[in-house]
Amino acid sequence: MSDLDTLLDDVVAVERGVVNEVIKEEREVVNEVLNVEREVVKDFKLLEQTLEEDLVSFSRGFTVFKDQVRG
């Protein structure tokens, strides 16, 4: 009977270890995803700003890139 108790204790200990590792890995993955998301948002805002600087608008619905305007 004590062998079964020892085995059960070992299984419980391993299970806790696995759960803790999964939780740790999950946190790391979430942090990485959040970092990538921040970088994508930052890159998108930079791209948006660059495009806005390259646009010229003559009236509503008539906007072109500056390099398309002769002058």
Protein backbone atom coordinates (compact mmCIF):
# COMPACT_ATOMS: atom_id res chain seq x y z
CA MET A 1 0.00 0.00 0.00
CA SER A 2 2.82 2.43 0.76
CA ASP A 3 4.20 1.87 -2.76
CA LEU A 4 0.89 3.08 -4.18
CA ASP A 5 0.94 6.09 -1.87
CA THR A 6 4.47 6.91 -2.97
CA LEU A 7 3.51 6.46 -6.61
CA LEU A 8 0.50 8.74 -6.17
CA ASP A 9 2.66 11.37 -4.48
CA ASP A 10 5.13 11.14 -7.37
CA VAL A 11 2.35 11.50 -9.96
CA VAL A 12 0.91 14.51 -8.15
CA ALA A 13 4.36 16.14 -7.93
CA VAL A 14 5.01 15.55 -11.64
CA GLU A 15 1.56 16.90 -12.52
CA ARG A 16 2.21 20.08 -10.52
CA GLY A 17 5.56 20.49 -12.24
CA VAL A 18 4.00 20.08 -15.67
CA VAL A 19 1.21 22.55 -14.85
CA ASN A 20 3.76 25.09 -13.58
CA GLU A 21 5.85 24.70 -16.75
CA VAL A 22 2.79 25.12 -18.96
CA ILE A 23 1.80 28.27 -17.08
CA LYS A 24 5.35 29.63 -17.39
CA GLU A 25 5.45 28.90 -21.13
CA GLU A 26 2.01 30.44 -21.60
CA ARG A 27 3.16 33.67 -19.94
CA GLU A 28 6.24 33.78 -22.14
CA VAL A 29 4.16 33.26 -25.29
CA VAL A 30 1.69 35.96 -24.23
CA ASN A 31 4.56 38.38 -23.60
CA GLU A 32 6.08 37.62 -26.98
CA VAL A 33 2.74 38.13 -28.73
CA LEU A 34 2.26 41.45 -26.94
CA ASN A 35 5.77 42.55 -27.94
CA VAL A 36 5.12 41.64 -31.57
CA GLU A 37 1.77 43.45 -31.44
CA ARG A 38 3.45 46.61 -30.10
CA GLU A 39 6.05 46.47 -32.86
CA VAL A 40 3.41 45.98 -35.56
CA VAL A 41 1.36 48.92 -34.24
CA LYS A 42 4.50 51.08 -34.09
CA ASP A 43 5.48 50.11 -37.64
CA PHE A 44 1.95 50.73 -38.90
CA LYS A 45 1.85 54.21 -37.34
CA LEU A 46 5.22 55.04 -38.89
CA LEU A 47 4.02 53.82 -42.28
CA GLU A 48 0.79 55.78 -41.93
CA GLN A 49 2.71 58.94 -41.05
CA THR A 50 5.09 58.45 -43.97
CA LEU A 51 2.21 57.96 -46.39
CA GLU A 52 0.38 61.02 -45.08
CA GLU A 53 3.52 63.11 -45.60
CA ASP A 54 3.70 61.88 -49.19
CA LEU A 55 0.09 62.79 -50.01
CA VAL A 56 -1.30 66.06 -51.28
CA SER A 57 -5.03 66.78 -51.35
CA PHE A 58 -6.69 69.20 -53.73
CA SER A 59 -10.25 68.61 -52.62
CA ARG A 60 -12.40 65.91 -51.11
CA GLY A 61 -11.89 62.73 -53.05
CA PHE A 62 -8.92 64.09 -55.00
CA THR A 63 -5.74 63.12 -53.19
CA VAL A 64 -2.56 61.99 -54.88
CA PHE A 65 1.03 61.23 -53.98
CA LYS A 66 3.31 64.28 -54.14
CA ASP A 67 5.51 62.65 -56.77
CA GLN A 68 2.49 62.50 -59.09
CA VAL A 69 2.09 66.30 -59.04
CA ARG A 70 4.04 68.20 -61.65
CA GLY A 71 5.09 71.60 -60.70
